[in-house]
C-alpha atoms as a PDB file:
ATOM      1  CA  MET A   1       6.067  18.260 -25.017  1.00  0.00           C
ATOM      2  CA  ASP A   2       7.719  16.706 -21.954  1.00  0.00           C
ATOM      3  CA  ALA A   3       4.929  16.136 -19.416  1.00  0.00           C
ATOM      4  CA  ALA A   4       7.416  16.467 -16.565  1.00  0.00           C
ATOM      5  CA  ARG A   5       7.891  20.115 -17.562  1.00  0.00           C
ATOM      6  CA  LEU A   6       4.189  20.983 -17.556  1.00  0.00           C
ATOM      7  CA  SER A   7       3.675  21.296 -13.800  1.00  0.00           C
ATOM      8  CA  PRO A   8       6.666  22.842 -12.047  1.00  0.00           C
ATOM      9  CA  PRO A   9       6.373  22.406  -8.279  1.00  0.00           C
ATOM     10  CA  ARG A  10       6.062  25.251  -5.822  1.00  0.00           C
ATOM     11  CA  ARG A  11       8.933  25.631  -3.387  1.00  0.00           C
ATOM     12  CA  LEU A  12       7.840  25.891   0.237  1.00  0.00           C
ATOM     13  CA  LYS A  13       9.727  26.473   3.472  1.00  0.00           C
ATOM     14  CA  VAL A  14       7.632  24.863   6.196  1.00  0.00           C
ATOM     15  CA  PRO A  15       8.458  25.702   9.833  1.00  0.00           C
ATOM     16  CA  LEU A  16       8.167  22.483  11.841  1.00  0.00           C
ATOM     17  CA  GLN A  17       6.924  23.325  15.304  1.00  0.00           C
ATOM     18  CA  GLY A  18       9.435  22.330  17.944  1.00  0.00           C
ATOM     19  CA  ARG A  19      11.855  20.822  15.407  1.00  0.00           C
ATOM     20  CA  GLY A  20      14.402  23.640  15.312  1.00  0.00           C
ATOM     21  CA  GLY A  21      14.144  24.789  11.705  1.00  0.00           C
ATOM     22  CA  GLU A  22      12.345  24.697   8.384  1.00  0.00           C
ATOM     23  CA  MET A  23      11.726  21.814   6.030  1.00  0.00           C
ATOM     24  CA  ALA A  24      12.090  22.599   2.335  1.00  0.00           C
ATOM     25  CA  VAL A  25       9.231  21.025   0.390  1.00  0.00           C
ATOM     26  CA  LEU A  26       8.374  20.710  -3.290  1.00  0.00           C
ATOM     27  CA  ASP A  27       4.598  21.027  -3.646  1.00  0.00           C
ATOM     28  CA  PHE A  28       3.199  19.472  -6.838  1.00  0.00           C
ATOM     29  CA  GLY A  29      -0.374  19.855  -8.054  1.00  0.00           C
ATOM     30  CA  ASP A  30      -3.369  21.975  -7.130  1.00  0.00           C
ATOM     31  CA  PRO A  31      -2.574  23.930  -3.928  1.00  0.00           C
ATOM     32  CA  ASN A  32      -6.291  24.237  -3.175  1.00  0.00           C
ATOM     33  CA  ARG A  33      -6.830  20.511  -2.713  1.00  0.00           C
ATOM     34  CA  PRO A  34      -5.770  18.422   0.282  1.00  0.00           C
ATOM     35  CA  VAL A  35      -2.474  16.581   0.093  1.00  0.00           C
ATOM     36  CA  ASP A  36      -2.813  13.152  -1.525  1.00  0.00           C
ATOM     37  CA  LEU A  37       0.730  11.828  -1.248  1.00  0.00           C
ATOM     38  CA  VAL A  38       3.996  12.549   0.583  1.00  0.00           C
ATOM     39  CA  PHE A  39       7.163  11.211  -1.060  1.00  0.00           C
ATOM     40  CA  SER A  40      10.524  11.075   0.753  1.00  0.00           C
ATOM     41  CA  HIS A  41      13.937  10.657  -0.852  1.00  0.00           C
ATOM     42  CA  ALA A  42      16.919   8.365  -0.251  1.00  0.00           C
ATOM     43  CA  ASN A  43      19.944   9.145   1.917  1.00  0.00           C
ATOM     44  CA  GLY A  44      22.302  11.631   0.266  1.00  0.00           C
ATOM     45  CA  PHE A  45      19.775  12.813  -2.329  1.00  0.00           C
ATOM     46  CA  ASN A  46      16.882  15.314  -2.200  1.00  0.00           C
ATOM     47  CA  ALA A  47      13.310  15.842  -3.307  1.00  0.00           C
ATOM     48  CA  ALA A  48      14.256  17.462  -6.626  1.00  0.00           C
ATOM     49  CA  THR A  49      15.989  14.246  -7.721  1.00  0.00           C
ATOM     50  CA  TYR A  50      12.534  12.686  -8.204  1.00  0.00           C
ATOM     51  CA  ARG A  51      10.955  15.623 -10.037  1.00  0.00           C
ATOM     52  CA  SER A  52      10.610  13.746 -13.336  1.00  0.00           C
ATOM     53  CA  ILE A  53       8.716  10.976 -11.499  1.00  0.00           C
ATOM     54  CA  LEU A  54       6.374  13.224  -9.547  1.00  0.00           C
ATOM     55  CA  ALA A  55       5.627  16.134 -11.887  1.00  0.00           C
ATOM     56  CA  PRO A  56       3.485  14.159 -14.377  1.00  0.00           C
ATOM     57  CA  LEU A  57       1.256  13.057 -11.470  1.00  0.00           C
ATOM     58  CA  ALA A  58       0.497  16.668 -10.537  1.00  0.00           C
ATOM     59  CA  SER A  59      -2.484  16.859 -12.896  1.00  0.00           C
ATOM     60  CA  SER A  60      -4.236  14.225 -10.757  1.00  0.00           C
ATOM     61  CA  PHE A  61      -2.837  14.603  -7.253  1.00  0.00           C
ATOM     62  CA  ARG A  62      -1.288  17.012  -4.816  1.00  0.00           C
ATOM     63  CA  ILE A  63       2.114  15.700  -3.751  1.00  0.00           C
ATOM     64  CA  LEU A  64       4.534  16.974  -1.130  1.00  0.00           C
ATOM     65  CA  ALA A  65       8.175  15.987  -1.564  1.00  0.00           C
ATOM     66  CA  PRO A  66      10.261  17.136   1.421  1.00  0.00           C
ATOM     67  CA  ASP A  67      14.001  17.516   1.763  1.00  0.00           C
ATOM     68  CA  LEU A  68      14.699  15.404   4.823  1.00  0.00           C
ATOM     69  CA  ARG A  69      16.798  16.788   7.661  1.00  0.00           C
ATOM     70  CA  GLY A  70      20.370  17.408   6.505  1.00  0.00           C
ATOM     71  CA  HIS A  71      19.459  17.289   2.809  1.00  0.00           C
ATOM     72  CA  GLY A  72      18.625  19.727   0.040  1.00  0.00           C
ATOM     73  CA  ARG A  73      17.433  23.127   1.200  1.00  0.00           C
ATOM     74  CA  SER A  74      16.032  22.135   4.601  1.00  0.00           C
ATOM     75  CA  THR A  75      17.485  24.008   7.585  1.00  0.00           C
ATOM     76  CA  LEU A  76      16.665  21.525  10.349  1.00  0.00           C
ATOM     77  CA  PRO A  77      19.652  20.938  12.651  1.00  0.00           C
ATOM     78  CA  THR A  78      21.907  17.924  12.146  1.00  0.00           C
ATOM     79  CA  VAL A  79      23.137  16.819  15.545  1.00  0.00           C
ATOM     80  CA  MET A  80      25.216  13.672  15.140  1.00  0.00           C
ATOM     81  CA  GLU A  81      26.549  13.229  18.662  1.00  0.00           C
ATOM     82  CA  GLY A  82      24.493  10.611  20.458  1.00  0.00           C
ATOM     83  CA  ARG A  83      22.292   9.981  17.417  1.00  0.00           C
ATOM     84  CA  ARG A  84      21.004   6.401  17.415  1.00  0.00           C
ATOM     85  CA  SER A  85      18.107   6.117  14.965  1.00  0.00           C
ATOM     86  CA  TRP A  86      15.971   7.653  12.228  1.00  0.00           C
ATOM     87  CA  HIS A  87      13.356   8.801  14.730  1.00  0.00           C
ATOM     88  CA  ASP A  88      14.375  12.373  13.879  1.00  0.00           C
ATOM     89  CA  HIS A  89      13.299  11.805  10.260  1.00  0.00           C
ATOM     90  CA  ARG A  90      10.144  10.061  11.492  1.00  0.00           C
ATOM     91  CA  ASP A  91       9.183  12.955  13.745  1.00  0.00           C
ATOM     92  CA  ASP A  92       9.955  15.522  11.028  1.00  0.00           C
ATOM     93  CA  LEU A  93       7.519  13.755   8.695  1.00  0.00           C
ATOM     94  CA  LEU A  94       4.850  13.651  11.406  1.00  0.00           C
ATOM     95  CA  ALA A  95       5.355  17.383  11.973  1.00  0.00           C
ATOM     96  CA  LEU A  96       4.997  17.962   8.233  1.00  0.00           C
ATOM     97  CA  LEU A  97       1.674  16.106   8.253  1.00  0.00           C
ATOM     98  CA  ASP A  98       0.547  18.301  11.155  1.00  0.00           C
ATOM     99  CA  ALA A  99       1.348  21.384   9.045  1.00  0.00           C
ATOM    100  CA  PHE A 100      -1.031  20.130   6.300  1.00  0.00           C
ATOM    101  CA  PRO A 101      -4.167  18.864   8.049  1.00  0.00           C
ATOM    102  CA  GLY A 102      -6.612  16.897   5.954  1.00  0.00           C
ATOM    103  CA  PRO A 103      -7.699  13.360   5.095  1.00  0.00           C
ATOM    104  CA  PRO A 104      -5.218  10.478   5.478  1.00  0.00           C
ATOM    105  CA  VAL A 105      -2.456  10.580   2.863  1.00  0.00           C
ATOM    106  CA  VAL A 106      -0.453   7.982   0.995  1.00  0.00           C
ATOM    107  CA  MET A 107       3.131   8.000   2.217  1.00  0.00           C
ATOM    108  CA  ALA A 108       5.857   6.778  -0.094  1.00  0.00           C
ATOM    109  CA  GLY A 109       9.600   6.875  -0.256  1.00  0.00           C
ATOM    110  CA  HIS A 110      12.833   5.443  -1.567  1.00  0.00           C
ATOM    111  CA  SER A 111      15.444   3.725   0.597  1.00  0.00           C
ATOM    112  CA  MET A 112      15.849   5.783   3.798  1.00  0.00           C
ATOM    113  CA  GLY A 113      12.817   7.831   2.792  1.00  0.00           C
ATOM    114  CA  GLY A 114      10.749   4.674   2.570  1.00  0.00           C
ATOM    115  CA  THR A 115      11.840   3.497   5.999  1.00  0.00           C
ATOM    116  CA  ALA A 116      11.249   6.933   7.534  1.00  0.00           C
ATOM    117  CA  SER A 117       7.752   6.892   6.012  1.00  0.00           C
ATOM    118  CA  LEU A 118       7.105   3.459   7.536  1.00  0.00           C
ATOM    119  CA  LEU A 119       8.238   4.668  10.966  1.00  0.00           C
ATOM    120  CA  ALA A 120       6.025   7.762  10.661  1.00  0.00           C
ATOM    121  CA  ALA A 121       3.009   5.704   9.586  1.00  0.00           C
ATOM    122  CA  ALA A 122       3.427   3.364  12.557  1.00  0.00           C
ATOM    123  CA  ALA A 123       3.544   6.321  14.953  1.00  0.00           C
ATOM    124  CA  GLY A 124       0.700   8.246  13.295  1.00  0.00           C
ATOM    125  CA  SER A 125      -1.410   5.659  11.509  1.00  0.00           C
ATOM    126  CA  ALA A 126      -4.569   7.787  11.574  1.00  0.00           C
ATOM    127  CA  ARG A 127      -2.883  10.211   9.173  1.00  0.00           C
ATOM    128  CA  VAL A 128      -1.643   7.599   6.656  1.00  0.00           C
ATOM    129  CA  SER A 129      -3.948   5.570   4.401  1.00  0.00           C
ATOM    130  CA  ARG A 130      -1.303   3.294   2.889  1.00  0.00           C
ATOM    131  CA  LEU A 131       2.413   2.990   2.169  1.00  0.00           C
ATOM    132  CA  VAL A 132       4.373   2.477  -1.043  1.00  0.00           C
ATOM    133  CA  LEU A 133       8.048   1.799  -0.354  1.00  0.00           C
ATOM    134  CA  PHE A 134      10.815   1.534  -2.942  1.00  0.00           C
ATOM    135  CA  ASP A 135      13.690  -0.641  -1.736  1.00  0.00           C
ATOM    136  CA  PRO A 136      13.363   0.593   1.861  1.00  0.00           C
ATOM    137  CA  VAL A 137      16.167  -0.104   4.313  1.00  0.00           C
ATOM    138  CA  ILE A 138      14.838  -3.152   6.146  1.00  0.00           C
ATOM    139  CA  TRP A 139      17.436  -5.658   7.230  1.00  0.00           C
ATOM    140  CA  GLY A 140      16.405  -9.160   8.239  1.00  0.00           C
ATOM    141  CA  GLY A 141      17.439 -11.809  10.731  1.00  0.00           C
ATOM    142  CA  LEU A 142      20.886 -11.567  12.289  1.00  0.00           C
ATOM    143  CA  THR A 143      21.766  -8.627  10.026  1.00  0.00           C
ATOM    144  CA  SER A 144      18.930  -6.632  11.579  1.00  0.00           C
ATOM    145  CA  VAL A 145      20.171  -7.362  15.100  1.00  0.00           C
ATOM    146  CA  VAL A 146      23.734  -6.395  14.200  1.00  0.00           C
ATOM    147  CA  PHE A 147      22.713  -3.117  12.547  1.00  0.00           C
ATOM    148  CA  ARG A 148      20.573  -2.126  15.542  1.00  0.00           C
ATOM    149  CA  SER A 149      23.303  -2.990  18.020  1.00  0.00           C
ATOM    150  CA  PRO A 150      24.652  -0.011  20.051  1.00  0.00           C
ATOM    151  CA  GLY A 151      28.131  -1.470  19.502  1.00  0.00           C
ATOM    152  CA  LEU A 152      27.903  -0.848  15.768  1.00  0.00           C
ATOM    153  CA  ARG A 153      29.088   2.731  16.238  1.00  0.00           C
ATOM    154  CA  ARG A 154      32.474   1.477  17.481  1.00  0.00           C
ATOM    155  CA  PHE A 155      33.068  -0.252  14.165  1.00  0.00           C
ATOM    156  CA  SER A 156      31.294   2.235  11.910  1.00  0.00           C
ATOM    157  CA  ASP A 157      34.479   3.248  10.109  1.00  0.00           C
ATOM    158  CA  ARG A 158      34.677  -0.300   8.749  1.00  0.00           C
ATOM    159  CA  ILE A 159      31.245  -0.226   7.098  1.00  0.00           C
ATOM    160  CA  PRO A 160      31.755   0.172   3.324  1.00  0.00           C
ATOM    161  CA  LEU A 161      28.834   2.600   2.915  1.00  0.00           C
ATOM    162  CA  VAL A 162      30.186   4.773   5.720  1.00  0.00           C
ATOM    163  CA  ARG A 163      33.696   4.754   4.310  1.00  0.00           C
ATOM    164  CA  THR A 164      32.384   5.663   0.857  1.00  0.00           C
ATOM    165  CA  ALA A 165      30.280   8.522   2.253  1.00  0.00           C
ATOM    166  CA  LEU A 166      33.159   9.983   4.250  1.00  0.00           C
ATOM    167  CA  ARG A 167      35.429   9.923   1.180  1.00  0.00           C
ATOM    168  CA  ARG A 168      32.857  11.737  -0.934  1.00  0.00           C
ATOM    169  CA  ARG A 169      34.007  14.978  -2.511  1.00  0.00           C
ATOM    170  CA  ALA A 170      32.166  17.761  -0.691  1.00  0.00           C
ATOM    171  CA  VAL A 171      33.174  20.933  -2.605  1.00  0.00           C
ATOM    172  CA  PHE A 172      32.949  21.796  -6.316  1.00  0.00           C
ATOM    173  CA  ASP A 173      33.950  24.890  -8.256  1.00  0.00           C
ATOM    174  CA  SER A 174      30.742  24.850 -10.296  1.00  0.00           C
ATOM    175  CA  ARG A 175      27.622  22.832 -11.025  1.00  0.00           C
ATOM    176  CA  GLU A 176      29.121  21.929 -14.399  1.00  0.00           C
ATOM    177  CA  GLN A 177      32.176  20.470 -12.683  1.00  0.00           C
ATOM    178  CA  ALA A 178      29.938  18.331 -10.465  1.00  0.00           C
ATOM    179  CA  LEU A 179      27.916  17.187 -13.464  1.00  0.00           C
ATOM    180  CA  GLU A 180      31.045  16.037 -15.274  1.00  0.00           C
ATOM    181  CA  ALA A 181      32.362  14.337 -12.134  1.00  0.00           C
ATOM    182  CA  TYR A 182      29.177  12.317 -11.653  1.00  0.00           C
ATOM    183  CA  ARG A 183      27.959  11.627 -15.193  1.00  0.00           C
ATOM    184  CA  GLY A 184      27.956   7.887 -15.905  1.00  0.00           C
ATOM    185  CA  ARG A 185      30.010   6.999 -12.824  1.00  0.00           C
ATOM    186  CA  GLY A 186      29.397   4.917  -9.728  1.00  0.00           C
ATOM    187  CA  ALA A 187      25.876   5.237  -8.347  1.00  0.00           C
ATOM    188  CA  PHE A 188      24.999   7.614 -11.206  1.00  0.00           C
ATOM    189  CA  ARG A 189      25.637   5.071 -13.954  1.00  0.00           C
ATOM    190  CA  GLY A 190      22.629   4.870 -16.265  1.00  0.00           C
ATOM    191  CA  TRP A 191      21.081   8.154 -15.108  1.00  0.00           C
ATOM    192  CA  LYS A 192      19.762  10.525 -17.741  1.00  0.00           C
ATOM    193  CA  ASP A 193      21.338  13.967 -17.618  1.00  0.00           C
ATOM    194  CA  ALA A 194      17.951  15.492 -16.761  1.00  0.00           C
ATOM    195  CA  VAL A 195      17.709  13.439 -13.557  1.00  0.00           C
ATOM    196  CA  LEU A 196      21.305  14.194 -12.601  1.00  0.00           C
ATOM    197  CA  ILE A 197      20.729  17.912 -13.187  1.00  0.00           C
ATOM    198  CA  ASP A 198      17.598  17.744 -11.015  1.00  0.00           C
ATOM    199  CA  TYR A 199      19.636  16.151  -8.224  1.00  0.00           C
ATOM    200  CA  LEU A 200      22.343  18.811  -8.474  1.00  0.00           C
ATOM    201  CA  SER A 201      19.811  21.656  -8.496  1.00  0.00           C
ATOM    202  CA  ASP A 202      19.276  21.181  -4.752  1.00  0.00           C
ATOM    203  CA  GLY A 203      22.165  18.832  -4.039  1.00  0.00           C
ATOM    204  CA  LEU A 204      24.671  21.710  -4.198  1.00  0.00           C
ATOM    205  CA  ILE A 205      24.556  24.831  -2.036  1.00  0.00           C
ATOM    206  CA  GLU A 206      26.450  27.929  -3.146  1.00  0.00           C
ATOM    207  CA  ARG A 207      29.242  29.045  -0.815  1.00  0.00           C
ATOM    208  CA  ALA A 208      29.635  32.679   0.232  1.00  0.00           C
ATOM    209  CA  ASP A 209      33.273  32.603  -0.926  1.00  0.00           C
ATOM    210  CA  GLY A 210      32.467  30.929  -4.273  1.00  0.00           C
ATOM    211  CA  GLY A 211      32.030  27.328  -5.310  1.00  0.00           C
ATOM    212  CA  PHE A 212      29.468  24.840  -4.037  1.00  0.00           C
ATOM    213  CA  ASP A 213      29.107  22.478  -1.083  1.00  0.00           C
ATOM    214  CA  LEU A 214      27.202  19.222  -1.115  1.00  0.00           C
ATOM    215  CA  ALA A 215      23.882  19.989   0.559  1.00  0.00           C
ATOM    216  CA  CYS A 216      24.067  16.644   2.354  1.00  0.00           C
ATOM    217  CA  ALA A 217      27.401  16.724   4.167  1.00  0.00           C
ATOM    218  CA  PRO A 218      29.338  13.446   3.920  1.00  0.00           C
ATOM    219  CA  GLN A 219      29.385  13.207   7.719  1.00  0.00           C
ATOM    220  CA  TRP A 220      25.580  13.400   7.862  1.00  0.00           C
ATOM    221  CA  GLU A 221      25.177  10.825   5.104  1.00  0.00           C
ATOM    222  CA  ALA A 222      27.488   8.528   7.086  1.00  0.00           C
ATOM    223  CA  SER A 223      25.524   9.199  10.278  1.00  0.00           C
ATOM    224  CA  ASN A 224      22.378   7.946   8.572  1.00  0.00           C
ATOM    225  CA  TYR A 225      24.101   4.678   7.717  1.00  0.00           C
ATOM    226  CA  VAL A 226      25.213   4.189  11.318  1.00  0.00           C
ATOM    227  CA  ALA A 227      22.064   5.343  13.173  1.00  0.00           C
ATOM    228  CA  GLN A 228      20.121   2.078  12.923  1.00  0.00           C
ATOM    229  CA  GLY A 229      18.503   1.899  16.367  1.00  0.00           C
ATOM    230  CA  HIS A 230      14.961   2.067  14.942  1.00  0.00           C
ATOM    231  CA  ASP A 231      13.007  -1.134  14.228  1.00  0.00           C
ATOM    232  CA  PRO A 232      11.192  -1.256  10.860  1.00  0.00           C
ATOM    233  CA  TRP A 233       9.872  -4.759  11.591  1.00  0.00           C
ATOM    234  CA  ARG A 234       8.077  -3.513  14.673  1.00  0.00           C
ATOM    235  CA  ALA A 235       6.741  -0.616  12.605  1.00  0.00           C
ATOM    236  CA  MET A 236       5.372  -3.021   9.983  1.00  0.00           C
ATOM    237  CA  ARG A 237       3.594  -4.964  12.733  1.00  0.00           C
ATOM    238  CA  ALA A 238       2.196  -1.779  14.276  1.00  0.00           C
ATOM    239  CA  TYR A 239       0.918  -0.238  11.045  1.00  0.00           C
ATOM    240  CA  ARG A 240      -1.914  -2.492   9.844  1.00  0.00           C
ATOM    241  CA  ARG A 241      -3.013  -0.697   6.680  1.00  0.00           C
ATOM    242  CA  PRO A 242      -1.758  -1.716   3.197  1.00  0.00           C
ATOM    243  CA  VAL A 243       1.998  -1.666   2.652  1.00  0.00           C
ATOM    244  CA  ARG A 244       3.383  -2.267  -0.836  1.00  0.00           C
ATOM    245  CA  ILE A 245       7.127  -2.841  -1.140  1.00  0.00           C
ATOM    246  CA  LEU A 246       8.929  -2.818  -4.480  1.00  0.00           C
ATOM    247  CA  LYS A 247      12.476  -4.062  -4.066  1.00  0.00           C
ATOM    248  CA  ALA A 248      15.422  -4.277  -6.403  1.00  0.00           C
ATOM    249  CA  GLU A 249      16.329  -7.537  -8.082  1.00  0.00           C
ATOM    250  CA  THR A 250      20.044  -6.925  -7.477  1.00  0.00           C
ATOM    251  CA  GLY A 251      21.728  -5.159  -4.576  1.00  0.00           C
ATOM    252  CA  SER A 252      18.511  -4.753  -2.628  1.00  0.00           C
ATOM    253  CA  ILE A 253      18.650  -3.596   0.994  1.00  0.00           C
ATOM    254  CA  THR A 254      15.103  -4.808   1.602  1.00  0.00           C
ATOM    255  CA  GLN A 255      15.318  -8.192   3.268  1.00  0.00           C
ATOM    256  CA  VAL A 256      11.590  -8.754   3.498  1.00  0.00           C
ATOM    257  CA  PRO A 257      10.473 -12.088   1.967  1.00  0.00           C
ATOM    258  CA  SER A 258       7.790 -12.234  -0.700  1.00  0.00           C
ATOM    259  CA  ARG A 259       5.303 -13.537   1.887  1.00  0.00           C
ATOM    260  CA  PRO A 260       6.340 -12.088   5.250  1.00  0.00           C
ATOM    261  CA  HIS A 261       5.023 -14.194   8.136  1.00  0.00           C
ATOM    262  CA  GLY A 262       2.263 -12.548  10.138  1.00  0.00           C
ATOM    263  CA  LEU A 263       2.167  -9.499   7.867  1.00  0.00           C
ATOM    264  CA  ALA A 264      -0.726 -10.197   5.520  1.00  0.00           C
ATOM    265  CA  HIS A 265      -1.134  -6.469   4.861  1.00  0.00           C
ATOM    266  CA  VAL A 266       2.399  -6.270   3.409  1.00  0.00           C
ATOM    267  CA  THR A 267       2.963  -7.189  -0.252  1.00  0.00           C
ATOM    268  CA  VAL A 268       6.449  -7.492  -1.713  1.00  0.00           C
ATOM    269  CA  GLU A 269       7.361  -7.340  -5.405  1.00  0.00           C
ATOM    270  CA  THR A 270      10.704  -7.501  -7.167  1.00  0.00           C
ATOM    271  CA  VAL A 271      11.548  -5.014  -9.923  1.00  0.00           C
ATOM    272  CA  PRO A 272      13.187  -7.019 -12.732  1.00  0.00           C
ATOM    273  CA  ASP A 273      16.706  -5.842 -13.588  1.00  0.00           C
ATOM    274  CA  GLY A 274      16.396  -3.156 -10.913  1.00  0.00           C
ATOM    275  CA  HIS A 275      19.209  -2.167  -8.556  1.00  0.00           C
ATOM    276  CA  HIS A 276      18.854  -0.162  -5.345  1.00  0.00           C
ATOM    277  CA  LEU A 277      18.607   3.160  -7.216  1.00  0.00           C
ATOM    278  CA  PHE A 278      16.073   1.893  -9.738  1.00  0.00           C
ATOM    279  CA  PRO A 279      13.728   4.886  -9.205  1.00  0.00           C
ATOM    280  CA  MET A 280      16.308   7.105 -10.894  1.00  0.00           C
ATOM    281  CA  VAL A 281      16.343   4.971 -14.042  1.00  0.00           C
ATOM    282  CA  ARG A 282      12.866   3.359 -13.965  1.00  0.00           C
ATOM    283  CA  ALA A 283      10.611   6.339 -13.380  1.00  0.00           C
ATOM    284  CA  ASP A 284       7.731   4.492 -15.047  1.00  0.00           C
ATOM    285  CA  VAL A 285       7.705   1.742 -12.407  1.00  0.00           C
ATOM    286  CA  VAL A 286       7.668   4.238  -9.534  1.00  0.00           C
ATOM    287  CA  ARG A 287       5.115   6.534 -11.128  1.00  0.00           C
ATOM    288  CA  ASP A 288       2.713   3.679 -11.881  1.00  0.00           C
ATOM    289  CA  ALA A 289       2.929   2.408  -8.304  1.00  0.00           C
ATOM    290  CA  LEU A 290       2.275   5.873  -6.877  1.00  0.00           C
ATOM    291  CA  PHE A 291      -0.677   6.442  -9.196  1.00  0.00           C
ATOM    292  CA  GLU A 292      -2.268   3.107  -8.248  1.00  0.00           C
ATOM    293  CA  ALA A 293      -1.887   3.914  -4.555  1.00  0.00           C
ATOM    294  CA  ALA A 294      -3.241   7.462  -4.703  1.00  0.00           C
ATOM    295  CA  VAL A 295      -6.107   7.027  -7.146  1.00  0.00           C
END
């Protein structure tokens, strides 16, 4: 029997005080125990995408997997005008921790979700025991300065990731049509159908007039690529508890060296043959890392 099917998560809608809406959360494991781990997804995806990674851990841990603002089934507002950073995602995660008081938790995440977790841990270190980050968005050197520059917004339409996001098809007639459009193509190459179906389960929102919209609007996905005014390096210096980074061997957006200077609490490992979306195709690597951190 598929272990990932043994422990279906509960679906929660968590009002975040002062944040303007509700955060949709998948709650894995025993609801009577404190939260052990909070896992946040990559830009453009959602919590359900990682179900096959997280569900087998539910027999040992309680895990919250939120849909970040502008993704999945969360209803938090997406104000793009004047947006400069991922501090909105950071503060949403801190508000989520406030909604589930208890001992310090492990925070983990992939790509944007990893960086948002790092920012949250730096701002609320008493609530976070350690971090496990999967190819988080951490630019280095001159690249970091350029991406945090206020002038970047003027040239945002030239950034390949932004252009790709804005060209993304946003409406489908059916889930089956979306599945056929994505299967084996582009970023979805190498994904098992089960993972792709999990992504689409909350990645498409039914329209009142028929058909489906992408839950993460292309404009919001693009906004996340442009809003780089936060500083993950400062966050790594501020948060002094263990940080484990697993980065892709090819196409990584984690420009943290294997031995980062002055950051003895940060360990960096490379996932052989892994690309930026390796969690979707190497569930075993991610699951093992989460288990080791939470045990």
